[in-house]
């Protein structure tokens, strides 16, 4: 996992955020600033555009009619043993090493 997306999702990310690096920065900011326990999301809205979302607790963007493309668990249990309270470092590692871009591309096409 990790690295940069390919295909339609890569194009959509560049169209929406200007570059993959800008996407990484904005996704990290959205996820890191999620208060308490929750999730950072890349979603497709009803118009087919990409958006970032943050939910707390068991929230999910599907309740707002959005299609999840990928998510990052920012509940402390997801990263504390490896990263202590360094959420930004966890997000960098998540994007660089764990994101399944093929799965996210399939979600975009759905």
PDB file of N, CA and C in Angstrom:
ATOM      1  N   UNK A   1       0.802  -1.189   0.000  1.00  0.00           N
ATOM      2  CA  UNK A   1       0.000   0.000   0.000  1.00  0.00           C
ATOM      3  C   UNK A   1       0.844   1.252   0.000  1.00  0.00           C
ATOM      4  N   UNK A   2       0.130   2.356   0.004  1.00  0.00           N
ATOM      5  CA  UNK A   2       0.782   3.645   0.069  1.00  0.00           C
ATOM      6  C   UNK A   2       1.188   4.164  -1.297  1.00  0.00           C
ATOM      7  N   UNK A   3       2.045   5.130  -1.278  1.00  0.00           N
ATOM      8  CA  UNK A   3       2.476   5.755  -2.526  1.00  0.00           C
ATOM      9  C   UNK A   3       1.412   6.701  -3.043  1.00  0.00           C
ATOM     10  N   UNK A   4       1.378   6.877  -4.351  1.00  0.00           N
ATOM     11  CA  UNK A   4       0.417   7.794  -4.974  1.00  0.00           C
ATOM     12  C   UNK A   4      -0.651   7.016  -5.721  1.00  0.00           C
ATOM     13  N   UNK A   5      -1.849   7.581  -5.799  1.00  0.00           N
ATOM     14  CA  UNK A   5      -2.912   6.914  -6.545  1.00  0.00           C
ATOM     15  C   UNK A   5      -2.626   6.947  -8.041  1.00  0.00           C
ATOM     16  N   UNK A   6      -3.323   6.104  -8.761  1.00  0.00           N
ATOM     17  CA  UNK A   6      -3.214   6.071 -10.214  1.00  0.00           C
ATOM     18  C   UNK A   6      -4.619   6.212 -10.802  1.00  0.00           C
ATOM     19  N   UNK A   7      -4.692   6.301 -12.088  1.00  0.00           N
ATOM     20  CA  UNK A   7      -5.958   6.256 -12.797  1.00  0.00           C
ATOM     21  C   UNK A   7      -6.877   7.424 -12.506  1.00  0.00           C
ATOM     22  N   UNK A   8      -8.173   7.123 -12.537  1.00  0.00           N
ATOM     23  CA  UNK A   8      -9.212   8.139 -12.386  1.00  0.00           C
ATOM     24  C   UNK A   8      -9.097   8.882 -11.056  1.00  0.00           C
ATOM     25  N   UNK A   9      -8.756   8.167  -9.995  1.00  0.00           N
ATOM     26  CA  UNK A   9      -8.645   8.808  -8.688  1.00  0.00           C
ATOM     27  C   UNK A   9      -7.483   9.799  -8.667  1.00  0.00           C
ATOM     28  N   UNK A  10      -6.377   9.445  -9.269  1.00  0.00           N
ATOM     29  CA  UNK A  10      -5.253  10.369  -9.348  1.00  0.00           C
ATOM     30  C   UNK A  10      -5.658  11.655 -10.050  1.00  0.00           C
ATOM     31  N   UNK A  11      -6.360  11.521 -11.164  1.00  0.00           N
ATOM     32  CA  UNK A  11      -6.820  12.696 -11.911  1.00  0.00           C
ATOM     33  C   UNK A  11      -7.788  13.524 -11.076  1.00  0.00           C
ATOM     34  N   UNK A  12      -8.719  12.869 -10.391  1.00  0.00           N
ATOM     35  CA  UNK A  12      -9.710  13.577  -9.578  1.00  0.00           C
ATOM     36  C   UNK A  12      -9.048  14.310  -8.413  1.00  0.00           C
ATOM     37  N   UNK A  13      -8.058  13.688  -7.796  1.00  0.00           N
ATOM     38  CA  UNK A  13      -7.337  14.336  -6.693  1.00  0.00           C
ATOM     39  C   UNK A  13      -6.614  15.569  -7.203  1.00  0.00           C
ATOM     40  N   UNK A  14      -5.942  15.463  -8.341  1.00  0.00           N
ATOM     41  CA  UNK A  14      -5.229  16.625  -8.894  1.00  0.00           C
ATOM     42  C   UNK A  14      -6.207  17.722  -9.293  1.00  0.00           C
ATOM     43  N   UNK A  15      -7.347  17.357  -9.860  1.00  0.00           N
ATOM     44  CA  UNK A  15      -8.356  18.356 -10.232  1.00  0.00           C
ATOM     45  C   UNK A  15      -8.919  19.070  -9.008  1.00  0.00           C
ATOM     46  N   UNK A  16      -9.141  18.334  -7.945  1.00  0.00           N
ATOM     47  CA  UNK A  16      -9.768  18.891  -6.750  1.00  0.00           C
ATOM     48  C   UNK A  16      -8.787  19.644  -5.868  1.00  0.00           C
ATOM     49  N   UNK A  17      -7.613  19.082  -5.661  1.00  0.00           N
ATOM     50  CA  UNK A  17      -6.666  19.638  -4.694  1.00  0.00           C
ATOM     51  C   UNK A  17      -5.462  20.319  -5.331  1.00  0.00           C
ATOM     52  N   UNK A  18      -5.326  20.234  -6.643  1.00  0.00           N
ATOM     53  CA  UNK A  18      -4.214  20.874  -7.339  1.00  0.00           C
ATOM     54  C   UNK A  18      -3.004  19.977  -7.512  1.00  0.00           C
ATOM     55  N   UNK A  19      -2.757  19.118  -6.551  1.00  0.00           N
ATOM     56  CA  UNK A  19      -1.642  18.170  -6.625  1.00  0.00           C
ATOM     57  C   UNK A  19      -1.837  17.113  -5.548  1.00  0.00           C
ATOM     58  N   UNK A  20      -1.109  16.013  -5.690  1.00  0.00           N
ATOM     59  CA  UNK A  20      -1.174  14.978  -4.670  1.00  0.00           C
ATOM     60  C   UNK A  20      -0.612  15.495  -3.348  1.00  0.00           C
ATOM     61  N   UNK A  21       0.451  16.289  -3.406  1.00  0.00           N
ATOM     62  CA  UNK A  21       1.021  16.848  -2.181  1.00  0.00           C
ATOM     63  C   UNK A  21       0.020  17.726  -1.447  1.00  0.00           C
ATOM     64  N   UNK A  22      -0.750  18.536  -2.187  1.00  0.00           N
ATOM     65  CA  UNK A  22      -1.784  19.356  -1.545  1.00  0.00           C
ATOM     66  C   UNK A  22      -2.853  18.475  -0.918  1.00  0.00           C
ATOM     67  N   UNK A  23      -3.234  17.394  -1.619  1.00  0.00           N
ATOM     68  CA  UNK A  23      -4.192  16.446  -1.042  1.00  0.00           C
ATOM     69  C   UNK A  23      -3.656  15.886   0.272  1.00  0.00           C
ATOM     70  N   UNK A  24      -2.410  15.424   0.283  1.00  0.00           N
ATOM     71  CA  UNK A  24      -1.822  14.862   1.500  1.00  0.00           C
ATOM     72  C   UNK A  24      -1.880  15.875   2.643  1.00  0.00           C
ATOM     73  N   UNK A  25      -1.541  17.109   2.351  1.00  0.00           N
ATOM     74  CA  UNK A  25      -1.545  18.154   3.370  1.00  0.00           C
ATOM     75  C   UNK A  25      -2.962  18.388   3.909  1.00  0.00           C
ATOM     76  N   UNK A  26      -3.931  18.482   3.028  1.00  0.00           N
ATOM     77  CA  UNK A  26      -5.307  18.744   3.443  1.00  0.00           C
ATOM     78  C   UNK A  26      -5.928  17.540   4.149  1.00  0.00           C
ATOM     79  N   UNK A  27      -5.664  16.326   3.645  1.00  0.00           N
ATOM     80  CA  UNK A  27      -6.184  15.120   4.298  1.00  0.00           C
ATOM     81  C   UNK A  27      -5.591  14.986   5.698  1.00  0.00           C
ATOM     82  N   UNK A  28      -4.304  15.262   5.818  1.00  0.00           N
ATOM     83  CA  UNK A  28      -3.648  15.203   7.120  1.00  0.00           C
ATOM     84  C   UNK A  28      -4.254  16.229   8.064  1.00  0.00           C
ATOM     85  N   UNK A  29      -4.444  17.452   7.590  1.00  0.00           N
ATOM     86  CA  UNK A  29      -5.027  18.502   8.431  1.00  0.00           C
ATOM     87  C   UNK A  29      -6.438  18.113   8.885  1.00  0.00           C
ATOM     88  N   UNK A  30      -7.236  17.609   7.965  1.00  0.00           N
ATOM     89  CA  UNK A  30      -8.603  17.193   8.307  1.00  0.00           C
ATOM     90  C   UNK A  30      -8.587  16.089   9.358  1.00  0.00           C
ATOM     91  N   UNK A  31      -7.708  15.124   9.183  1.00  0.00           N
ATOM     92  CA  UNK A  31      -7.656  13.981  10.092  1.00  0.00           C
ATOM     93  C   UNK A  31      -7.061  14.350  11.441  1.00  0.00           C
ATOM     94  N   UNK A  32      -5.992  15.119  11.431  1.00  0.00           N
ATOM     95  CA  UNK A  32      -5.308  15.481  12.672  1.00  0.00           C
ATOM     96  C   UNK A  32      -6.196  16.357  13.542  1.00  0.00           C
ATOM     97  N   UNK A  33      -6.996  17.206  12.936  1.00  0.00           N
ATOM     98  CA  UNK A  33      -7.824  18.119  13.717  1.00  0.00           C
ATOM     99  C   UNK A  33      -9.172  17.518  14.111  1.00  0.00           C
ATOM    100  N   UNK A  34      -9.399  16.256  13.788  1.00  0.00           N
ATOM    101  CA  UNK A  34     -10.605  15.590  14.267  1.00  0.00           C
ATOM    102  C   UNK A  34     -10.528  15.532  15.780  1.00  0.00           C
ATOM    103  N   UNK A  35     -11.513  16.115  16.443  1.00  0.00           N
ATOM    104  CA  UNK A  35     -11.481  16.187  17.895  1.00  0.00           C
ATOM    105  C   UNK A  35     -11.771  14.821  18.501  1.00  0.00           C
ATOM    106  N   UNK A  36     -10.936  14.417  19.422  1.00  0.00           N
ATOM    107  CA  UNK A  36     -11.154  13.162  20.124  1.00  0.00           C
ATOM    108  C   UNK A  36     -10.970  11.960  19.214  1.00  0.00           C
ATOM    109  N   UNK A  37     -11.892  11.041  19.296  1.00  0.00           N
ATOM    110  CA  UNK A  37     -11.819   9.803  18.533  1.00  0.00           C
ATOM    111  C   UNK A  37     -12.687   9.905  17.291  1.00  0.00           C
ATOM    112  N   UNK A  38     -12.150   9.491  16.161  1.00  0.00           N
ATOM    113  CA  UNK A  38     -12.941   9.577  14.941  1.00  0.00           C
ATOM    114  C   UNK A  38     -12.178   9.138  13.707  1.00  0.00           C
ATOM    115  N   UNK A  39     -12.551   9.759  12.587  1.00  0.00           N
ATOM    116  CA  UNK A  39     -12.098   9.299  11.286  1.00  0.00           C
ATOM    117  C   UNK A  39     -11.864  10.484  10.352  1.00  0.00           C
ATOM    118  N   UNK A  40     -10.835  10.378   9.523  1.00  0.00           N
ATOM    119  CA  UNK A  40     -10.644  11.293   8.408  1.00  0.00           C
ATOM    120  C   UNK A  40     -11.031  10.557   7.134  1.00  0.00           C
ATOM    121  N   UNK A  41     -11.735  11.226   6.217  1.00  0.00           N
ATOM    122  CA  UNK A  41     -12.290  10.565   5.038  1.00  0.00           C
ATOM    123  C   UNK A  41     -11.959  11.325   3.752  1.00  0.00           C
ATOM    124  N   UNK A  42     -11.789  10.596   2.681  1.00  0.00           N
ATOM    125  CA  UNK A  42     -11.885  11.121   1.325  1.00  0.00           C
ATOM    126  C   UNK A  42     -13.176  10.548   0.777  1.00  0.00           C
ATOM    127  N   UNK A  43     -14.091  11.431   0.341  1.00  0.00           N
ATOM    128  CA  UNK A  43     -15.403  10.991  -0.106  1.00  0.00           C
ATOM    129  C   UNK A  43     -15.727  11.588  -1.476  1.00  0.00           C
ATOM    130  N   UNK A  44     -16.711  10.960  -2.111  1.00  0.00           N
ATOM    131  CA  UNK A  44     -17.306  11.494  -3.332  1.00  0.00           C
ATOM    132  C   UNK A  44     -18.692  11.990  -2.946  1.00  0.00           C
ATOM    133  N   UNK A  45     -18.987  13.261  -3.266  1.00  0.00           N
ATOM    134  CA  UNK A  45     -20.307  13.790  -2.916  1.00  0.00           C
ATOM    135  C   UNK A  45     -21.337  13.407  -3.978  1.00  0.00           C
ATOM    136  N   UNK A  46     -22.567  13.834  -3.785  1.00  0.00           N
ATOM    137  CA  UNK A  46     -23.660  13.463  -4.690  1.00  0.00           C
ATOM    138  C   UNK A  46     -23.442  13.977  -6.110  1.00  0.00           C
ATOM    139  N   UNK A  47     -22.659  15.047  -6.258  1.00  0.00           N
ATOM    140  CA  UNK A  47     -22.359  15.605  -7.583  1.00  0.00           C
ATOM    141  C   UNK A  47     -21.157  14.927  -8.236  1.00  0.00           C
ATOM    142  N   UNK A  48     -20.545  13.961  -7.529  1.00  0.00           N
ATOM    143  CA  UNK A  48     -19.401  13.238  -8.061  1.00  0.00           C
ATOM    144  C   UNK A  48     -18.063  13.904  -7.803  1.00  0.00           C
ATOM    145  N   UNK A  49     -18.050  14.958  -6.993  1.00  0.00           N
ATOM    146  CA  UNK A  49     -16.817  15.674  -6.666  1.00  0.00           C
ATOM    147  C   UNK A  49     -16.187  15.101  -5.400  1.00  0.00           C
ATOM    148  N   UNK A  50     -14.875  15.222  -5.307  1.00  0.00           N
ATOM    149  CA  UNK A  50     -14.180  14.767  -4.105  1.00  0.00           C
ATOM    150  C   UNK A  50     -14.274  15.810  -3.007  1.00  0.00           C
ATOM    151  N   UNK A  51     -14.347  15.331  -1.787  1.00  0.00           N
ATOM    152  CA  UNK A  51     -14.342  16.173  -0.591  1.00  0.00           C
ATOM    153  C   UNK A  51     -13.592  15.441   0.507  1.00  0.00           C
ATOM    154  N   UNK A  52     -13.152  16.210   1.480  1.00  0.00           N
ATOM    155  CA  UNK A  52     -12.611  15.642   2.705  1.00  0.00           C
ATOM    156  C   UNK A  52     -13.678  15.779   3.779  1.00  0.00           C
ATOM    157  N   UNK A  53     -13.710  14.829   4.678  1.00  0.00           N
ATOM    158  CA  UNK A  53     -14.677  14.864   5.766  1.00  0.00           C
ATOM    159  C   UNK A  53     -14.027  14.336   7.035  1.00  0.00           C
ATOM    160  N   UNK A  54     -14.579  14.738   8.143  1.00  0.00           N
ATOM    161  CA  UNK A  54     -14.145  14.270   9.448  1.00  0.00           C
ATOM    162  C   UNK A  54     -15.396  13.865  10.211  1.00  0.00           C
ATOM    163  N   UNK A  55     -15.349  12.713  10.835  1.00  0.00           N
ATOM    164  CA  UNK A  55     -16.454  12.291  11.684  1.00  0.00           C
ATOM    165  C   UNK A  55     -15.901  11.870  13.036  1.00  0.00           C
ATOM    166  N   UNK A  56     -16.728  11.992  14.047  1.00  0.00           N
ATOM    167  CA  UNK A  56     -16.321  11.578  15.387  1.00  0.00           C
ATOM    168  C   UNK A  56     -17.127  10.355  15.788  1.00  0.00           C
ATOM    169  N   UNK A  57     -16.595   9.639  16.756  1.00  0.00           N
ATOM    170  CA  UNK A  57     -17.269   8.445  17.236  1.00  0.00           C
ATOM    171  C   UNK A  57     -17.519   7.467  16.100  1.00  0.00           C
ATOM    172  N   UNK A  58     -18.743   7.043  15.964  1.00  0.00           N
ATOM    173  CA  UNK A  58     -19.094   6.067  14.935  1.00  0.00           C
ATOM    174  C   UNK A  58     -19.710   6.735  13.707  1.00  0.00           C
ATOM    175  N   UNK A  59     -19.486   8.044  13.538  1.00  0.00           N
ATOM    176  CA  UNK A  59     -20.039   8.765  12.399  1.00  0.00           C
ATOM    177  C   UNK A  59     -19.524   8.238  11.074  1.00  0.00           C
ATOM    178  N   UNK A  60     -20.334   8.433  10.035  1.00  0.00           N
ATOM    179  CA  UNK A  60     -19.975   7.950   8.704  1.00  0.00           C
ATOM    180  C   UNK A  60     -20.574   8.901   7.667  1.00  0.00           C
ATOM    181  N   UNK A  61     -19.800   9.313   6.654  1.00  0.00           N
ATOM    182  CA  UNK A  61     -20.319  10.249   5.663  1.00  0.00           C
ATOM    183  C   UNK A  61     -21.458   9.684   4.814  1.00  0.00           C
ATOM    184  N   UNK A  62     -21.674   8.384   4.835  1.00  0.00           N
ATOM    185  CA  UNK A  62     -22.789   7.819   4.076  1.00  0.00           C
ATOM    186  C   UNK A  62     -24.120   8.348   4.590  1.00  0.00           C
ATOM    187  N   UNK A  63     -24.182   8.727   5.861  1.00  0.00           N
ATOM    188  CA  UNK A  63     -25.425   9.275   6.402  1.00  0.00           C
ATOM    189  C   UNK A  63     -25.737  10.643   5.807  1.00  0.00           C
ATOM    190  N   UNK A  64     -24.738  11.260   5.165  1.00  0.00           N
ATOM    191  CA  UNK A  64     -24.922  12.538   4.475  1.00  0.00           C
ATOM    192  C   UNK A  64     -24.985  12.350   2.963  1.00  0.00           C
ATOM    193  N   UNK A  65     -25.151  11.101   2.508  1.00  0.00           N
ATOM    194  CA  UNK A  65     -25.258  10.826   1.076  1.00  0.00           C
ATOM    195  C   UNK A  65     -23.946  10.847   0.328  1.00  0.00           C
ATOM    196  N   UNK A  66     -22.843  10.695   1.038  1.00  0.00           N
ATOM    197  CA  UNK A  66     -21.520  10.712   0.405  1.00  0.00           C
ATOM    198  C   UNK A  66     -20.954   9.297   0.345  1.00  0.00           C
ATOM    199  N   UNK A  67     -20.139   9.036  -0.685  1.00  0.00           N
ATOM    200  CA  UNK A  67     -19.539   7.718  -0.877  1.00  0.00           C
ATOM    201  C   UNK A  67     -18.110   7.724  -0.340  1.00  0.00           C
ATOM    202  N   UNK A  68     -17.816   6.949   0.693  1.00  0.00           N
ATOM    203  CA  UNK A  68     -16.443   6.875   1.198  1.00  0.00           C
ATOM    204  C   UNK A  68     -15.504   6.242   0.162  1.00  0.00           C
ATOM    205  N   UNK A  69     -14.373   6.870  -0.055  1.00  0.00           N
ATOM    206  CA  UNK A  69     -13.347   6.313  -0.936  1.00  0.00           C
ATOM    207  C   UNK A  69     -12.221   5.719  -0.110  1.00  0.00           C
ATOM    208  N   UNK A  70     -11.835   6.418   0.929  1.00  0.00           N
ATOM    209  CA  UNK A  70     -10.861   5.876   1.880  1.00  0.00           C
ATOM    210  C   UNK A  70     -11.057   6.584   3.198  1.00  0.00           C
ATOM    211  N   UNK A  71     -10.571   5.959   4.238  1.00  0.00           N
ATOM    212  CA  UNK A  71     -10.682   6.534   5.574  1.00  0.00           C
ATOM    213  C   UNK A  71      -9.438   6.204   6.388  1.00  0.00           C
ATOM    214  N   UNK A  72      -9.201   7.038   7.375  1.00  0.00           N
ATOM    215  CA  UNK A  72      -8.113   6.790   8.314  1.00  0.00           C
ATOM    216  C   UNK A  72      -8.670   6.885   9.726  1.00  0.00           C
ATOM    217  N   UNK A  73      -8.474   5.848  10.467  1.00  0.00           N
ATOM    218  CA  UNK A  73      -8.904   5.768  11.860  1.00  0.00           C
ATOM    219  C   UNK A  73      -7.954   6.610  12.703  1.00  0.00           C
ATOM    220  N   UNK A  74      -8.446   7.708  13.275  1.00  0.00           N
ATOM    221  CA  UNK A  74      -7.593   8.533  14.128  1.00  0.00           C
ATOM    222  C   UNK A  74      -7.964   8.395  15.604  1.00  0.00           C
ATOM    223  N   UNK A  75      -8.675   7.309  15.924  1.00  0.00           N
ATOM    224  CA  UNK A  75      -8.864   6.979  17.330  1.00  0.00           C
ATOM    225  C   UNK A  75      -7.478   6.631  17.878  1.00  0.00           C
ATOM    226  N   UNK A  76      -7.220   7.049  19.069  1.00  0.00           N
ATOM    227  CA  UNK A  76      -5.893   6.864  19.643  1.00  0.00           C
ATOM    228  C   UNK A  76      -5.419   5.414  19.603  1.00  0.00           C
ATOM    229  N   UNK A  77      -6.336   4.446  19.731  1.00  0.00           N
ATOM    230  CA  UNK A  77      -5.923   3.041  19.732  1.00  0.00           C
ATOM    231  C   UNK A  77      -5.284   2.633  18.405  1.00  0.00           C
ATOM    232  N   UNK A  78      -5.544   3.377  17.334  1.00  0.00           N
ATOM    233  CA  UNK A  78      -5.030   3.013  16.014  1.00  0.00           C
ATOM    234  C   UNK A  78      -3.541   3.290  15.880  1.00  0.00           C
ATOM    235  N   UNK A  79      -3.023   4.205  16.663  1.00  0.00           N
ATOM    236  CA  UNK A  79      -1.634   4.619  16.427  1.00  0.00           C
ATOM    237  C   UNK A  79      -0.779   4.792  17.678  1.00  0.00           C
ATOM    238  N   UNK A  80      -1.371   4.767  18.869  1.00  0.00           N
ATOM    239  CA  UNK A  80      -0.639   5.175  20.051  1.00  0.00           C
ATOM    240  C   UNK A  80       0.611   4.327  20.331  1.00  0.00           C
ATOM    241  N   UNK A  81       0.544   3.028  20.165  1.00  0.00           N
ATOM    242  CA  UNK A  81       1.710   2.200  20.487  1.00  0.00           C
ATOM    243  C   UNK A  81       2.910   2.537  19.602  1.00  0.00           C
ATOM    244  N   UNK A  82       2.668   2.900  18.349  1.00  0.00           N
ATOM    245  CA  UNK A  82       3.771   3.217  17.442  1.00  0.00           C
ATOM    246  C   UNK A  82       4.120   4.700  17.415  1.00  0.00           C
ATOM    247  N   UNK A  83       3.141   5.574  17.640  1.00  0.00           N
ATOM    248  CA  UNK A  83       3.354   7.003  17.429  1.00  0.00           C
ATOM    249  C   UNK A  83       3.052   7.874  18.651  1.00  0.00           C
ATOM    250  N   UNK A  84       2.675   7.275  19.780  1.00  0.00           N
ATOM    251  CA  UNK A  84       2.263   7.999  20.982  1.00  0.00           C
ATOM    252  C   UNK A  84       1.242   9.069  20.582  1.00  0.00           C
ATOM    253  N   UNK A  85       1.496  10.334  20.877  1.00  0.00           N
ATOM    254  CA  UNK A  85       0.518  11.381  20.560  1.00  0.00           C
ATOM    255  C   UNK A  85       0.882  12.147  19.280  1.00  0.00           C
ATOM    256  N   UNK A  86       1.665  11.540  18.403  1.00  0.00           N
ATOM    257  CA  UNK A  86       2.125  12.204  17.180  1.00  0.00           C
ATOM    258  C   UNK A  86       1.215  11.849  15.993  1.00  0.00           C
ATOM    259  N   UNK A  87      -0.010  12.337  16.029  1.00  0.00           N
ATOM    260  CA  UNK A  87      -0.980  12.049  14.970  1.00  0.00           C
ATOM    261  C   UNK A  87      -0.466  12.430  13.581  1.00  0.00           C
ATOM    262  N   UNK A  88       0.190  13.586  13.402  1.00  0.00           N
ATOM    263  CA  UNK A  88       0.684  13.917  12.062  1.00  0.00           C
ATOM    264  C   UNK A  88       1.669  12.883  11.517  1.00  0.00           C
ATOM    265  N   UNK A  89       2.521  12.338  12.370  1.00  0.00           N
ATOM    266  CA  UNK A  89       3.459  11.306  11.928  1.00  0.00           C
ATOM    267  C   UNK A  89       2.721  10.035  11.518  1.00  0.00           C
ATOM    268  N   UNK A  90       1.672   9.697  12.275  1.00  0.00           N
ATOM    269  CA  UNK A  90       0.854   8.544  11.920  1.00  0.00           C
ATOM    270  C   UNK A  90       0.202   8.751  10.556  1.00  0.00           C
ATOM    271  N   UNK A  91      -0.338   9.941  10.318  1.00  0.00           N
ATOM    272  CA  UNK A  91      -0.990  10.215   9.027  1.00  0.00           C
ATOM    273  C   UNK A  91      -0.004  10.127   7.881  1.00  0.00           C
ATOM    274  N   UNK A  92       1.200  10.633   8.070  1.00  0.00           N
ATOM    275  CA  UNK A  92       2.227  10.539   7.019  1.00  0.00           C
ATOM    276  C   UNK A  92       2.540   9.081   6.718  1.00  0.00           C
ATOM    277  N   UNK A  93       2.682   8.276   7.745  1.00  0.00           N
ATOM    278  CA  UNK A  93       2.961   6.856   7.549  1.00  0.00           C
ATOM    279  C   UNK A  93       1.787   6.154   6.875  1.00  0.00           C
ATOM    280  N   UNK A  94       0.570   6.505   7.268  1.00  0.00           N
ATOM    281  CA  UNK A  94      -0.630   5.923   6.662  1.00  0.00           C
ATOM    282  C   UNK A  94      -0.657   6.185   5.157  1.00  0.00           C
ATOM    283  N   UNK A  95      -0.485   7.429   4.771  1.00  0.00           N
ATOM    284  CA  UNK A  95      -0.548   7.777   3.349  1.00  0.00           C
ATOM    285  C   UNK A  95       0.614   7.155   2.583  1.00  0.00           C
ATOM    286  N   UNK A  96       1.798   7.213   3.151  1.00  0.00           N
ATOM    287  CA  UNK A  96       2.992   6.731   2.442  1.00  0.00           C
ATOM    288  C   UNK A  96       3.086   5.217   2.376  1.00  0.00           C
ATOM    289  N   UNK A  97       2.472   4.500   3.331  1.00  0.00           N
ATOM    290  CA  UNK A  97       2.708   3.061   3.430  1.00  0.00           C
ATOM    291  C   UNK A  97       1.480   2.166   3.433  1.00  0.00           C
ATOM    292  N   UNK A  98       0.302   2.703   3.739  1.00  0.00           N
ATOM    293  CA  UNK A  98      -0.838   1.822   3.978  1.00  0.00           C
ATOM    294  C   UNK A  98      -2.033   1.996   3.049  1.00  0.00           C
ATOM    295  N   UNK A  99      -2.227   3.182   2.492  1.00  0.00           N
ATOM    296  CA  UNK A  99      -3.434   3.424   1.693  1.00  0.00           C
ATOM    297  C   UNK A  99      -3.518   2.429   0.535  1.00  0.00           C
ATOM    298  N   UNK A 100      -4.684   1.830   0.392  1.00  0.00           N
ATOM    299  CA  UNK A 100      -4.941   0.913  -0.720  1.00  0.00           C
ATOM    300  C   UNK A 100      -5.633   1.710  -1.829  1.00  0.00           C
ATOM    301  N   UNK A 101      -4.840   2.277  -2.731  1.00  0.00           N
ATOM    302  CA  UNK A 101      -5.371   3.146  -3.781  1.00  0.00           C
ATOM    303  C   UNK A 101      -6.225   2.372  -4.778  1.00  0.00           C
ATOM    304  N   UNK A 102      -5.951   1.096  -4.986  1.00  0.00           N
ATOM    305  CA  UNK A 102      -6.794   0.294  -5.880  1.00  0.00           C
ATOM    306  C   UNK A 102      -8.213   0.190  -5.317  1.00  0.00           C
ATOM    307  N   UNK A 103      -8.325  -0.010  -4.020  1.00  0.00           N
ATOM    308  CA  UNK A 103      -9.632  -0.071  -3.360  1.00  0.00           C
ATOM    309  C   UNK A 103     -10.346   1.273  -3.468  1.00  0.00           C
ATOM    310  N   UNK A 104      -9.603   2.364  -3.249  1.00  0.00           N
ATOM    311  CA  UNK A 104     -10.198   3.700  -3.340  1.00  0.00           C
ATOM    312  C   UNK A 104     -10.659   3.985  -4.774  1.00  0.00           C
ATOM    313  N   UNK A 105      -9.878   3.566  -5.766  1.00  0.00           N
ATOM    314  CA  UNK A 105     -10.279   3.716  -7.164  1.00  0.00           C
ATOM    315  C   UNK A 105     -11.564   2.947  -7.446  1.00  0.00           C
ATOM    316  N   UNK A 106     -11.670   1.734  -6.913  1.00  0.00           N
ATOM    317  CA  UNK A 106     -12.887   0.942  -7.106  1.00  0.00           C
ATOM    318  C   UNK A 106     -14.087   1.623  -6.462  1.00  0.00           C
ATOM    319  N   UNK A 107     -13.890   2.228  -5.292  1.00  0.00           N
ATOM    320  CA  UNK A 107     -14.974   2.955  -4.630  1.00  0.00           C
ATOM    321  C   UNK A 107     -15.404   4.177  -5.442  1.00  0.00           C
ATOM    322  N   UNK A 108     -14.448   4.836  -6.078  1.00  0.00           N
ATOM    323  CA  UNK A 108     -14.761   5.993  -6.914  1.00  0.00           C
ATOM    324  C   UNK A 108     -15.616   5.584  -8.097  1.00  0.00           C
ATOM    325  N   UNK A 109     -15.334   4.424  -8.665  1.00  0.00           N
ATOM    326  CA  UNK A 109     -16.063   3.955  -9.847  1.00  0.00           C
ATOM    327  C   UNK A 109     -17.454   3.435  -9.490  1.00  0.00           C
ATOM    328  N   UNK A 110     -17.674   3.109  -8.223  1.00  0.00           N
ATOM    329  CA  UNK A 110     -18.967   2.538  -7.795  1.00  0.00           C
ATOM    330  C   UNK A 110     -20.081   3.566  -7.835  1.00  0.00           C
TER     331      UNK A 110
END
